[in-house]
Amino acid sequence: MLSGRQRDILALIETEGAQYIEHLASRYGLTTQTIRRDINALCDLGFARRFHGGVDLPVESRNISVNARAALNSGAKQRIARRIAADIEPGSTVFMGIGSTVQFVAAALREHEGLRVVTNNLDVALTLCEAPQVEVHISGGLLRHNDRDVVGADALHFFEKFYASYAVIGAGALDPGKGILDFSYSEAQMTSTMIENSRTHFLAADASKWTRDASVRVVPFSRISSFYTDRLPARPDIGEQFDASGTQVVICDERAA
């Protein structure tokens, strides 16, 4: 388990790039030896990599920008979003997490009445500005410019103040045995916290997530109530995994649109 400071350092690396030990020591008012211990812990867990005098993310661990992700498979994401919105009851409290598909869900919820939405996703908040009947709570935290969201200890503590009827979450990647994966520890922590503090968990992810490579575990599929997707890969082990997990799979293909 990472400390709050270690999570903050990781979030800084993810948002601002490589960090230097001397600068981190000055930022937190600590010795360089203490910062090195934090960095060693991050590196030993595979969340970061050392270089002389500093620390950075592991090679090839960064996701593409949220704007680029939104343009990929947008038709499938919109179908997924409409189906999820249809399954959310008016008057509910809804956690909405990181990811472009979650933003599409927000757009599909604009006609709902009496919702309370709690989010760290800036695009979700901006989308719901067009729905004055939806009460929107936005977490504080460290801004990730590339992803248009906020992460870190402040954001985690914010979500722990609520208990939601639904959590709508995305994924960086999917794996039959490992379940939901993401590209960074801070993303995984945000999603895990939303799941722990909500009753029903909706995973929104199109089929492309089965071909992506992310290295941080989030939760197994057994922790998810329903998985909304456009199609499952033609692999028997994937269907078997969902049968064993008890997770409902909702296919949102063009015939169901």
C-alpha atoms as a PDB file:
ATOM      1  CA  MET A   1       0.000   0.000   0.000  1.00  0.00           C
ATOM      2  CA  LEU A   2       1.420   3.375  -1.001  1.00  0.00           C
ATOM      3  CA  SER A   3       1.470   6.339   1.357  1.00  0.00           C
ATOM      4  CA  GLY A   4      -0.292   9.574   0.490  1.00  0.00           C
ATOM      5  CA  ARG A   5       3.043  11.207  -0.364  1.00  0.00           C
ATOM      6  CA  GLN A   6       4.042   8.310  -2.610  1.00  0.00           C
ATOM      7  CA  ARG A   7       0.713   8.601  -4.443  1.00  0.00           C
ATOM      8  CA  ASP A   8       1.318  12.340  -4.851  1.00  0.00           C
ATOM      9  CA  ILE A   9       4.811  11.764  -6.255  1.00  0.00           C
ATOM     10  CA  LEU A  10       3.433   9.216  -8.704  1.00  0.00           C
ATOM     11  CA  ALA A  11       0.699  11.633  -9.774  1.00  0.00           C
ATOM     12  CA  LEU A  12       3.333  14.342 -10.323  1.00  0.00           C
ATOM     13  CA  ILE A  13       5.327  11.997 -12.559  1.00  0.00           C
ATOM     14  CA  GLU A  14       2.223  11.124 -14.535  1.00  0.00           C
ATOM     15  CA  THR A  15       1.137  14.726 -15.042  1.00  0.00           C
ATOM     16  CA  GLU A  16       4.387  16.686 -15.272  1.00  0.00           C
ATOM     17  CA  GLY A  17       6.920  14.085 -16.372  1.00  0.00           C
ATOM     18  CA  ALA A  18      10.249  13.201 -14.777  1.00  0.00           C
ATOM     19  CA  GLN A  19      10.858  14.465 -11.231  1.00  0.00           C
ATOM     20  CA  TYR A  20      14.188  15.139  -9.543  1.00  0.00           C
ATOM     21  CA  ILE A  21      15.043  14.061  -6.018  1.00  0.00           C
ATOM     22  CA  GLU A  22      16.352  17.486  -4.929  1.00  0.00           C
ATOM     23  CA  HIS A  23      13.194  19.216  -6.157  1.00  0.00           C
ATOM     24  CA  LEU A  24      10.920  16.666  -4.466  1.00  0.00           C
ATOM     25  CA  ALA A  25      12.824  17.006  -1.184  1.00  0.00           C
ATOM     26  CA  SER A  26      12.380  20.773  -1.323  1.00  0.00           C
ATOM     27  CA  ARG A  27       8.702  20.460  -2.288  1.00  0.00           C
ATOM     28  CA  TYR A  28       7.863  18.259   0.721  1.00  0.00           C
ATOM     29  CA  GLY A  29      10.379  19.727   3.161  1.00  0.00           C
ATOM     30  CA  LEU A  30      12.088  16.341   3.601  1.00  0.00           C
ATOM     31  CA  THR A  31      15.578  14.901   3.281  1.00  0.00           C
ATOM     32  CA  THR A  32      16.734  13.419   0.011  1.00  0.00           C
ATOM     33  CA  GLN A  33      17.134  10.075   1.805  1.00  0.00           C
ATOM     34  CA  THR A  34      13.401  10.032   2.641  1.00  0.00           C
ATOM     35  CA  ILE A  35      12.477  10.871  -0.958  1.00  0.00           C
ATOM     36  CA  ARG A  36      14.799   8.129  -2.232  1.00  0.00           C
ATOM     37  CA  ARG A  37      12.962   5.618  -0.029  1.00  0.00           C
ATOM     38  CA  ASP A  38       9.655   6.725  -1.536  1.00  0.00           C
ATOM     39  CA  ILE A  39      11.086   6.428  -5.046  1.00  0.00           C
ATOM     40  CA  ASN A  40      12.567   3.010  -4.305  1.00  0.00           C
ATOM     41  CA  ALA A  41       9.142   1.794  -3.167  1.00  0.00           C
ATOM     42  CA  LEU A  42       7.513   3.054  -6.369  1.00  0.00           C
ATOM     43  CA  CYS A  43      10.180   1.461  -8.538  1.00  0.00           C
ATOM     44  CA  ASP A  44      10.141  -1.854  -6.677  1.00  0.00           C
ATOM     45  CA  LEU A  45       6.394  -2.097  -7.375  1.00  0.00           C
ATOM     46  CA  GLY A  46       6.940  -1.331 -11.058  1.00  0.00           C
ATOM     47  CA  PHE A  47       5.105   2.019 -11.004  1.00  0.00           C
ATOM     48  CA  ALA A  48       8.183   4.097 -11.826  1.00  0.00           C
ATOM     49  CA  ARG A  49      11.797   3.824 -12.991  1.00  0.00           C
ATOM     50  CA  ARG A  50      14.900   5.454 -11.586  1.00  0.00           C
ATOM     51  CA  PHE A  51      17.432   7.511 -13.469  1.00  0.00           C
ATOM     52  CA  HIS A  52      20.434   9.389 -12.124  1.00  0.00           C
ATOM     53  CA  GLY A  53      19.063  12.008  -9.741  1.00  0.00           C
ATOM     54  CA  GLY A  54      15.397  11.377 -10.374  1.00  0.00           C
ATOM     55  CA  VAL A  55      12.444   9.209 -11.298  1.00  0.00           C
ATOM     56  CA  ASP A  56      10.094   8.808 -14.273  1.00  0.00           C
ATOM     57  CA  LEU A  57       7.327   6.492 -15.445  1.00  0.00           C
ATOM     58  CA  PRO A  58       8.239   3.070 -16.842  1.00  0.00           C
ATOM     59  CA  VAL A  59       8.905   2.981 -20.560  1.00  0.00           C
ATOM     60  CA  GLU A  60       5.719   2.723 -22.686  1.00  0.00           C
ATOM     61  CA  SER A  61       3.363   3.176 -19.741  1.00  0.00           C
ATOM     62  CA  ARG A  62       1.593   6.325 -20.920  1.00  0.00           C
ATOM     63  CA  ASN A  63      -1.886   6.352 -22.423  1.00  0.00           C
ATOM     64  CA  ILE A  64      -2.834   8.389 -25.498  1.00  0.00           C
ATOM     65  CA  SER A  65      -4.677  11.672 -24.894  1.00  0.00           C
ATOM     66  CA  VAL A  66      -8.328  11.619 -23.928  1.00  0.00           C
ATOM     67  CA  ASN A  67      -9.292  13.563 -27.055  1.00  0.00           C
ATOM     68  CA  ALA A  68      -7.628  10.927 -29.233  1.00  0.00           C
ATOM     69  CA  ARG A  69      -9.319   8.140 -27.268  1.00  0.00           C
ATOM     70  CA  ALA A  70     -12.739   9.761 -27.678  1.00  0.00           C
ATOM     71  CA  ALA A  71     -12.361   9.647 -31.451  1.00  0.00           C
ATOM     72  CA  LEU A  72     -11.598   5.907 -31.448  1.00  0.00           C
ATOM     73  CA  ASN A  73     -14.650   3.631 -31.833  1.00  0.00           C
ATOM     74  CA  SER A  74     -16.936   6.555 -31.041  1.00  0.00           C
ATOM     75  CA  GLY A  75     -20.009   4.810 -32.454  1.00  0.00           C
ATOM     76  CA  ALA A  76     -19.542   1.821 -30.148  1.00  0.00           C
ATOM     77  CA  LYS A  77     -18.912   4.110 -27.180  1.00  0.00           C
ATOM     78  CA  GLN A  78     -22.112   6.032 -27.820  1.00  0.00           C
ATOM     79  CA  ARG A  79     -24.158   2.817 -27.963  1.00  0.00           C
ATOM     80  CA  ILE A  80     -22.572   1.630 -24.726  1.00  0.00           C
ATOM     81  CA  ALA A  81     -23.286   5.009 -23.115  1.00  0.00           C
ATOM     82  CA  ARG A  82     -26.955   5.050 -24.105  1.00  0.00           C
ATOM     83  CA  ARG A  83     -27.507   1.565 -22.678  1.00  0.00           C
ATOM     84  CA  ILE A  84     -25.820   2.413 -19.381  1.00  0.00           C
ATOM     85  CA  ALA A  85     -27.841   5.621 -19.076  1.00  0.00           C
ATOM     86  CA  ALA A  86     -31.047   3.615 -19.614  1.00  0.00           C
ATOM     87  CA  ASP A  87     -30.089   1.378 -16.667  1.00  0.00           C
ATOM     88  CA  ILE A  88     -29.474   4.266 -14.235  1.00  0.00           C
ATOM     89  CA  GLU A  89     -32.550   5.245 -12.269  1.00  0.00           C
ATOM     90  CA  PRO A  90     -33.498   8.927 -11.859  1.00  0.00           C
ATOM     91  CA  GLY A  91     -32.693  10.274  -8.418  1.00  0.00           C
ATOM     92  CA  SER A  92     -29.531   8.170  -8.057  1.00  0.00           C
ATOM     93  CA  THR A  93     -26.067   9.147  -6.896  1.00  0.00           C
ATOM     94  CA  VAL A  94     -23.565   8.212  -9.600  1.00  0.00           C
ATOM     95  CA  PHE A  95     -19.772   8.090  -9.491  1.00  0.00           C
ATOM     96  CA  MET A  96     -18.287   8.824 -12.914  1.00  0.00           C
ATOM     97  CA  GLY A  97     -14.627   8.018 -13.376  1.00  0.00           C
ATOM     98  CA  ILE A  98     -11.795   8.440 -15.813  1.00  0.00           C
ATOM     99  CA  GLY A  99     -12.079   7.779 -19.537  1.00  0.00           C
ATOM    100  CA  SER A 100     -13.604   8.872 -22.810  1.00  0.00           C
ATOM    101  CA  THR A 101     -16.467   6.333 -22.730  1.00  0.00           C
ATOM    102  CA  VAL A 102     -17.537   7.682 -19.339  1.00  0.00           C
ATOM    103  CA  GLN A 103     -17.808  11.121 -20.929  1.00  0.00           C
ATOM    104  CA  PHE A 104     -20.224   9.672 -23.500  1.00  0.00           C
ATOM    105  CA  VAL A 105     -22.280   8.264 -20.607  1.00  0.00           C
ATOM    106  CA  ALA A 106     -22.472  11.762 -19.114  1.00  0.00           C
ATOM    107  CA  ALA A 107     -23.885  13.067 -22.396  1.00  0.00           C
ATOM    108  CA  ALA A 108     -26.496  10.291 -22.374  1.00  0.00           C
ATOM    109  CA  LEU A 109     -27.536  11.261 -18.825  1.00  0.00           C
ATOM    110  CA  ARG A 110     -28.315  14.897 -19.582  1.00  0.00           C
ATOM    111  CA  GLU A 111     -32.081  14.288 -19.655  1.00  0.00           C
ATOM    112  CA  HIS A 112     -32.182  12.371 -16.358  1.00  0.00           C
ATOM    113  CA  GLU A 113     -33.921  14.006 -13.429  1.00  0.00           C
ATOM    114  CA  GLY A 114     -32.626  14.340  -9.895  1.00  0.00           C
ATOM    115  CA  LEU A 115     -29.197  12.804 -10.375  1.00  0.00           C
ATOM    116  CA  ARG A 116     -26.262  13.551  -8.115  1.00  0.00           C
ATOM    117  CA  VAL A 117     -23.032  12.994 -10.075  1.00  0.00           C
ATOM    118  CA  VAL A 118     -19.671  12.821  -8.296  1.00  0.00           C
ATOM    119  CA  THR A 119     -16.680  12.931 -10.634  1.00  0.00           C
ATOM    120  CA  ASN A 120     -12.993  13.674 -11.103  1.00  0.00           C
ATOM    121  CA  ASN A 121     -13.457  13.794 -14.885  1.00  0.00           C
ATOM    122  CA  LEU A 122     -13.479  17.398 -16.119  1.00  0.00           C
ATOM    123  CA  ASP A 123     -15.167  16.487 -19.412  1.00  0.00           C
ATOM    124  CA  VAL A 124     -18.010  14.831 -17.494  1.00  0.00           C
ATOM    125  CA  ALA A 125     -18.499  18.001 -15.448  1.00  0.00           C
ATOM    126  CA  LEU A 126     -18.436  20.220 -18.550  1.00  0.00           C
ATOM    127  CA  THR A 127     -20.877  17.955 -20.373  1.00  0.00           C
ATOM    128  CA  LEU A 128     -23.326  18.122 -17.473  1.00  0.00           C
ATOM    129  CA  CYS A 129     -23.185  21.918 -17.400  1.00  0.00           C
ATOM    130  CA  GLU A 130     -25.923  21.584 -20.021  1.00  0.00           C
ATOM    131  CA  ALA A 131     -28.130  19.706 -17.508  1.00  0.00           C
ATOM    132  CA  PRO A 132     -28.992  22.115 -14.667  1.00  0.00           C
ATOM    133  CA  GLN A 133     -31.266  19.515 -13.046  1.00  0.00           C
ATOM    134  CA  VAL A 134     -28.222  17.284 -12.403  1.00  0.00           C
ATOM    135  CA  GLU A 135     -26.299  18.061  -9.205  1.00  0.00           C
ATOM    136  CA  VAL A 136     -22.569  17.782  -9.959  1.00  0.00           C
ATOM    137  CA  HIS A 137     -19.794  17.415  -7.361  1.00  0.00           C
ATOM    138  CA  ILE A 138     -16.223  17.808  -8.661  1.00  0.00           C
ATOM    139  CA  SER A 139     -13.258  16.492  -6.708  1.00  0.00           C
ATOM    140  CA  GLY A 140     -10.108  18.438  -6.046  1.00  0.00           C
ATOM    141  CA  GLY A 141      -6.705  16.978  -6.765  1.00  0.00           C
ATOM    142  CA  LEU A 142      -3.804  17.137  -9.161  1.00  0.00           C
ATOM    143  CA  LEU A 143      -4.761  17.986 -12.755  1.00  0.00           C
ATOM    144  CA  ARG A 144      -3.599  15.594 -15.485  1.00  0.00           C
ATOM    145  CA  HIS A 145      -3.543  17.779 -18.581  1.00  0.00           C
ATOM    146  CA  ASN A 146      -3.402  14.906 -21.079  1.00  0.00           C
ATOM    147  CA  ASP A 147      -6.372  13.112 -19.499  1.00  0.00           C
ATOM    148  CA  ARG A 148      -8.454  16.122 -18.408  1.00  0.00           C
ATOM    149  CA  ASP A 149      -9.057  14.722 -14.930  1.00  0.00           C
ATOM    150  CA  VAL A 150      -7.711  15.025 -11.389  1.00  0.00           C
ATOM    151  CA  VAL A 151      -6.050  12.351  -9.250  1.00  0.00           C
ATOM    152  CA  GLY A 152      -4.153  12.024  -5.983  1.00  0.00           C
ATOM    153  CA  ALA A 153      -4.887  11.778  -2.271  1.00  0.00           C
ATOM    154  CA  ASP A 154      -7.343  14.704  -2.209  1.00  0.00           C
ATOM    155  CA  ALA A 155      -9.458  13.112  -4.947  1.00  0.00           C
ATOM    156  CA  LEU A 156      -9.469   9.736  -3.188  1.00  0.00           C
ATOM    157  CA  HIS A 157     -10.579  11.271   0.114  1.00  0.00           C
ATOM    158  CA  PHE A 158     -13.307  13.235  -1.685  1.00  0.00           C
ATOM    159  CA  PHE A 159     -14.960  10.095  -3.078  1.00  0.00           C
ATOM    160  CA  GLU A 160     -14.789   8.393   0.311  1.00  0.00           C
ATOM    161  CA  LYS A 161     -17.229  11.009   1.642  1.00  0.00           C
ATOM    162  CA  PHE A 162     -20.021   9.594  -0.550  1.00  0.00           C
ATOM    163  CA  TYR A 163     -21.796   6.269  -1.067  1.00  0.00           C
ATOM    164  CA  ALA A 164     -23.166   5.984  -4.617  1.00  0.00           C
ATOM    165  CA  SER A 165     -25.954   3.924  -6.140  1.00  0.00           C
ATOM    166  CA  TYR A 166     -23.817   3.409  -9.247  1.00  0.00           C
ATOM    167  CA  ALA A 167     -20.170   3.705 -10.268  1.00  0.00           C
ATOM    168  CA  VAL A 168     -19.536   4.104 -13.994  1.00  0.00           C
ATOM    169  CA  ILE A 169     -15.922   3.260 -14.726  1.00  0.00           C
ATOM    170  CA  GLY A 170     -13.678   2.754 -17.745  1.00  0.00           C
ATOM    171  CA  ALA A 171     -10.536   0.685 -18.264  1.00  0.00           C
ATOM    172  CA  GLY A 172      -7.135   1.131 -19.843  1.00  0.00           C
ATOM    173  CA  ALA A 173      -7.064  -2.522 -20.869  1.00  0.00           C
ATOM    174  CA  LEU A 174      -8.852  -5.823 -20.215  1.00  0.00           C
ATOM    175  CA  ASP A 175      -7.352  -9.262 -19.593  1.00  0.00           C
ATOM    176  CA  PRO A 176      -9.256 -12.565 -19.164  1.00  0.00           C
ATOM    177  CA  GLY A 177      -7.288 -13.610 -16.092  1.00  0.00           C
ATOM    178  CA  LYS A 178      -6.316 -10.281 -14.532  1.00  0.00           C
ATOM    179  CA  GLY A 179      -9.558  -8.362 -15.134  1.00  0.00           C
ATOM    180  CA  ILE A 180      -9.428  -4.567 -15.381  1.00  0.00           C
ATOM    181  CA  LEU A 181      -6.028  -2.966 -15.955  1.00  0.00           C
ATOM    182  CA  ASP A 182      -4.918   0.645 -16.198  1.00  0.00           C
ATOM    183  CA  PHE A 183      -1.831   2.600 -17.168  1.00  0.00           C
ATOM    184  CA  SER A 184      -1.020   4.165 -13.817  1.00  0.00           C
ATOM    185  CA  TYR A 185      -1.351   3.493 -10.125  1.00  0.00           C
ATOM    186  CA  SER A 186      -3.264   6.739  -9.585  1.00  0.00           C
ATOM    187  CA  GLU A 187      -5.898   5.722 -12.158  1.00  0.00           C
ATOM    188  CA  ALA A 188      -6.241   2.287 -10.569  1.00  0.00           C
ATOM    189  CA  GLN A 189      -6.601   3.814  -7.093  1.00  0.00           C
ATOM    190  CA  MET A 190      -9.350   6.171  -8.258  1.00  0.00           C
ATOM    191  CA  THR A 191     -11.353   3.353  -9.849  1.00  0.00           C
ATOM    192  CA  SER A 192     -10.895   1.041  -6.856  1.00  0.00           C
ATOM    193  CA  THR A 193     -12.096   3.758  -4.473  1.00  0.00           C
ATOM    194  CA  MET A 194     -15.227   4.362  -6.550  1.00  0.00           C
ATOM    195  CA  ILE A 195     -16.003   0.641  -6.542  1.00  0.00           C
ATOM    196  CA  GLU A 196     -15.480   0.321  -2.795  1.00  0.00           C
ATOM    197  CA  ASN A 197     -17.878   3.184  -2.092  1.00  0.00           C
ATOM    198  CA  SER A 198     -20.751   2.271  -4.403  1.00  0.00           C
ATOM    199  CA  ARG A 199     -23.447  -0.402  -4.613  1.00  0.00           C
ATOM    200  CA  THR A 200     -23.632  -1.241  -8.346  1.00  0.00           C
ATOM    201  CA  HIS A 201     -20.623  -1.119 -10.664  1.00  0.00           C
ATOM    202  CA  PHE A 202     -20.911  -0.568 -14.421  1.00  0.00           C
ATOM    203  CA  LEU A 203     -17.808  -1.133 -16.566  1.00  0.00           C
ATOM    204  CA  ALA A 204     -17.942   0.680 -19.919  1.00  0.00           C
ATOM    205  CA  ALA A 205     -15.310  -0.557 -22.392  1.00  0.00           C
ATOM    206  CA  ASP A 206     -15.334  -1.269 -26.121  1.00  0.00           C
ATOM    207  CA  ALA A 207     -13.702  -4.329 -27.665  1.00  0.00           C
ATOM    208  CA  SER A 208     -10.427  -2.544 -28.450  1.00  0.00           C
ATOM    209  CA  LYS A 209      -9.493  -2.703 -24.747  1.00  0.00           C
ATOM    210  CA  TRP A 210      -8.731  -6.439 -25.108  1.00  0.00           C
ATOM    211  CA  THR A 211      -5.821  -5.624 -27.438  1.00  0.00           C
ATOM    212  CA  ARG A 212      -4.226  -2.900 -25.299  1.00  0.00           C
ATOM    213  CA  ASP A 213      -1.323  -3.376 -22.915  1.00  0.00           C
ATOM    214  CA  ALA A 214      -1.578  -1.776 -19.459  1.00  0.00           C
ATOM    215  CA  SER A 215       0.370  -2.968 -16.439  1.00  0.00           C
ATOM    216  CA  VAL A 216      -1.467  -1.866 -13.267  1.00  0.00           C
ATOM    217  CA  ARG A 217      -4.158  -4.143 -11.844  1.00  0.00           C
ATOM    218  CA  VAL A 218      -7.436  -2.512 -10.808  1.00  0.00           C
ATOM    219  CA  VAL A 219      -9.976  -5.212  -9.846  1.00  0.00           C
ATOM    220  CA  PRO A 220     -10.993  -8.653 -11.146  1.00  0.00           C
ATOM    221  CA  PHE A 221     -14.185  -8.935 -13.175  1.00  0.00           C
ATOM    222  CA  SER A 222     -15.933 -10.488 -10.176  1.00  0.00           C
ATOM    223  CA  ARG A 223     -16.016  -7.014  -8.557  1.00  0.00           C
ATOM    224  CA  ILE A 224     -18.097  -5.621 -11.432  1.00  0.00           C
ATOM    225  CA  SER A 225     -21.888  -5.865 -11.550  1.00  0.00           C
ATOM    226  CA  SER A 226     -22.292  -5.387 -15.312  1.00  0.00           C
ATOM    227  CA  PHE A 227     -19.892  -5.056 -18.248  1.00  0.00           C
ATOM    228  CA  TYR A 228     -21.178  -2.993 -21.182  1.00  0.00           C
ATOM    229  CA  THR A 229     -19.328  -3.508 -24.463  1.00  0.00           C
ATOM    230  CA  ASP A 230     -19.905  -3.644 -28.219  1.00  0.00           C
ATOM    231  CA  ARG A 231     -18.670  -7.233 -28.558  1.00  0.00           C
ATOM    232  CA  LEU A 232     -16.583  -9.906 -26.885  1.00  0.00           C
ATOM    233  CA  PRO A 233     -13.524 -11.342 -28.638  1.00  0.00           C
ATOM    234  CA  ALA A 234     -14.067 -14.774 -30.208  1.00  0.00           C
ATOM    235  CA  ARG A 235     -12.149 -16.580 -27.470  1.00  0.00           C
ATOM    236  CA  PRO A 236     -13.785 -19.221 -25.264  1.00  0.00           C
ATOM    237  CA  ASP A 237     -11.650 -18.334 -22.238  1.00  0.00           C
ATOM    238  CA  ILE A 238     -13.152 -14.829 -22.082  1.00  0.00           C
ATOM    239  CA  GLY A 239     -16.732 -16.068 -22.008  1.00  0.00           C
ATOM    240  CA  GLU A 240     -15.770 -18.663 -19.425  1.00  0.00           C
ATOM    241  CA  GLN A 241     -14.156 -15.994 -17.257  1.00  0.00           C
ATOM    242  CA  PHE A 242     -17.330 -13.914 -17.163  1.00  0.00           C
ATOM    243  CA  ASP A 243     -19.477 -16.978 -16.481  1.00  0.00           C
ATOM    244  CA  ALA A 244     -17.244 -17.809 -13.504  1.00  0.00           C
ATOM    245  CA  SER A 245     -17.154 -14.227 -12.201  1.00  0.00           C
ATOM    246  CA  GLY A 246     -20.924 -13.774 -12.148  1.00  0.00           C
ATOM    247  CA  THR A 247     -20.625 -10.464 -14.004  1.00  0.00           C
ATOM    248  CA  GLN A 248     -23.472  -9.650 -16.383  1.00  0.00           C
ATOM    249  CA  VAL A 249     -22.260  -8.927 -19.929  1.00  0.00           C
ATOM    250  CA  VAL A 250     -24.406  -6.466 -21.898  1.00  0.00           C
ATOM    251  CA  ILE A 251     -23.643  -6.394 -25.629  1.00  0.00           C
ATOM    252  CA  CYS A 252     -24.348  -2.993 -27.181  1.00  0.00           C
ATOM    253  CA  ASP A 253     -23.871  -3.730 -30.871  1.00  0.00           C
ATOM    254  CA  GLU A 254     -25.612  -2.052 -33.813  1.00  0.00           C
ATOM    255  CA  ARG A 255     -28.537  -4.481 -33.662  1.00  0.00           C
ATOM    256  CA  ALA A 256     -29.219  -3.392 -30.088  1.00  0.00           C
ATOM    257  CA  ALA A 257     -28.916   0.323 -30.849  1.00  0.00           C
END
